[in-house]
């Protein structure tokens, strides 16, 4: 969320809400993964998780484009 892309205040508010939602979903999944691996959530990298999600999303888009 380095730069907001929307121009109207209403859309900026929605964009921030979506970023917060995504952040909380990722943190929730990190917490679940930590429990499964007998670790504490802070031992898992948020940045690595985001990179993994971005790579997976690109792969899924690539799969749907080739079909």
C-alpha atoms as a PDB file:
ATOM      1  CA  UNK A   1       0.000   0.000   0.000  1.00  0.00           C
ATOM      2  CA  UNK A   2       2.736   2.389  -0.914  1.00  0.00           C
ATOM      3  CA  UNK A   3       0.511   4.538  -3.072  1.00  0.00           C
ATOM      4  CA  UNK A   4      -3.251   4.848  -3.273  1.00  0.00           C
ATOM      5  CA  UNK A   5      -4.538   4.784  -6.837  1.00  0.00           C
ATOM      6  CA  UNK A   6      -8.094   6.009  -6.357  1.00  0.00           C
ATOM      7  CA  UNK A   7      -9.059   9.631  -6.842  1.00  0.00           C
ATOM      8  CA  UNK A   8     -12.316  10.098  -4.947  1.00  0.00           C
ATOM      9  CA  UNK A   9     -12.452  10.076  -1.130  1.00  0.00           C
ATOM     10  CA  UNK A  10     -15.050   7.308  -1.161  1.00  0.00           C
ATOM     11  CA  UNK A  11     -12.885   5.036  -3.309  1.00  0.00           C
ATOM     12  CA  UNK A  12      -9.759   5.831  -1.245  1.00  0.00           C
ATOM     13  CA  UNK A  13     -11.669   4.706   1.831  1.00  0.00           C
ATOM     14  CA  UNK A  14     -12.625   1.452   0.073  1.00  0.00           C
ATOM     15  CA  UNK A  15      -9.060   0.887  -1.108  1.00  0.00           C
ATOM     16  CA  UNK A  16      -7.728   1.282   2.441  1.00  0.00           C
ATOM     17  CA  UNK A  17     -10.409  -1.100   3.718  1.00  0.00           C
ATOM     18  CA  UNK A  18      -9.385  -3.733   1.142  1.00  0.00           C
ATOM     19  CA  UNK A  19      -5.724  -3.386   2.131  1.00  0.00           C
ATOM     20  CA  UNK A  20      -6.616  -3.841   5.803  1.00  0.00           C
ATOM     21  CA  UNK A  21      -8.764  -6.842   4.955  1.00  0.00           C
ATOM     22  CA  UNK A  22      -5.945  -8.473   2.978  1.00  0.00           C
ATOM     23  CA  UNK A  23      -3.461  -7.736   5.780  1.00  0.00           C
ATOM     24  CA  UNK A  24      -5.718  -9.357   8.371  1.00  0.00           C
ATOM     25  CA  UNK A  25      -6.391 -12.398   6.191  1.00  0.00           C
ATOM     26  CA  UNK A  26      -2.661 -12.946   5.663  1.00  0.00           C
ATOM     27  CA  UNK A  27      -1.949 -12.501   9.389  1.00  0.00           C
ATOM     28  CA  UNK A  28      -4.723 -14.982  10.198  1.00  0.00           C
ATOM     29  CA  UNK A  29      -3.268 -17.575   7.853  1.00  0.00           C
ATOM     30  CA  UNK A  30       0.202 -16.975   9.300  1.00  0.00           C
ATOM     31  CA  UNK A  31      -1.203 -17.602  12.785  1.00  0.00           C
ATOM     32  CA  UNK A  32      -2.770 -20.873  11.623  1.00  0.00           C
ATOM     33  CA  UNK A  33       0.472 -21.953   9.933  1.00  0.00           C
ATOM     34  CA  UNK A  34       2.425 -21.121  13.082  1.00  0.00           C
ATOM     35  CA  UNK A  35       0.152 -23.312  15.197  1.00  0.00           C
ATOM     36  CA  UNK A  36       0.548 -26.205  12.757  1.00  0.00           C
ATOM     37  CA  UNK A  37       4.343 -25.880  12.891  1.00  0.00           C
ATOM     38  CA  UNK A  38       4.574 -25.317  16.683  1.00  0.00           C
ATOM     39  CA  UNK A  39       5.951 -21.808  16.208  1.00  0.00           C
ATOM     40  CA  UNK A  40       4.841 -18.369  17.212  1.00  0.00           C
ATOM     41  CA  UNK A  41       3.385 -16.194  14.403  1.00  0.00           C
ATOM     42  CA  UNK A  42       6.188 -13.622  14.675  1.00  0.00           C
ATOM     43  CA  UNK A  43       8.672 -16.326  13.640  1.00  0.00           C
ATOM     44  CA  UNK A  44       7.046 -16.401  10.194  1.00  0.00           C
ATOM     45  CA  UNK A  45       7.773 -13.686   7.660  1.00  0.00           C
ATOM     46  CA  UNK A  46       4.872 -11.496   6.573  1.00  0.00           C
ATOM     47  CA  UNK A  47       6.856 -10.191   3.592  1.00  0.00           C
ATOM     48  CA  UNK A  48       7.674 -13.714   2.393  1.00  0.00           C
ATOM     49  CA  UNK A  49       4.020 -14.652   2.721  1.00  0.00           C
ATOM     50  CA  UNK A  50       2.953 -11.695   0.579  1.00  0.00           C
ATOM     51  CA  UNK A  51       5.566 -12.584  -2.055  1.00  0.00           C
ATOM     52  CA  UNK A  52       4.355 -16.186  -2.095  1.00  0.00           C
ATOM     53  CA  UNK A  53       0.739 -15.066  -2.503  1.00  0.00           C
ATOM     54  CA  UNK A  54       1.712 -12.728  -5.380  1.00  0.00           C
ATOM     55  CA  UNK A  55       3.611 -15.528  -7.136  1.00  0.00           C
ATOM     56  CA  UNK A  56       0.679 -17.913  -6.700  1.00  0.00           C
ATOM     57  CA  UNK A  57      -1.760 -15.301  -8.039  1.00  0.00           C
ATOM     58  CA  UNK A  58       0.417 -14.763 -11.109  1.00  0.00           C
ATOM     59  CA  UNK A  59       0.600 -18.511 -11.693  1.00  0.00           C
ATOM     60  CA  UNK A  60      -3.183 -18.832 -11.397  1.00  0.00           C
ATOM     61  CA  UNK A  61      -3.712 -15.964 -13.844  1.00  0.00           C
ATOM     62  CA  UNK A  62      -1.235 -17.604 -16.218  1.00  0.00           C
ATOM     63  CA  UNK A  63      -3.099 -20.894 -15.993  1.00  0.00           C
ATOM     64  CA  UNK A  64      -6.452 -19.284 -16.746  1.00  0.00           C
ATOM     65  CA  UNK A  65      -5.035 -17.325 -19.715  1.00  0.00           C
ATOM     66  CA  UNK A  66      -3.645 -20.506 -21.291  1.00  0.00           C
ATOM     67  CA  UNK A  67      -6.932 -22.413 -20.975  1.00  0.00           C
END
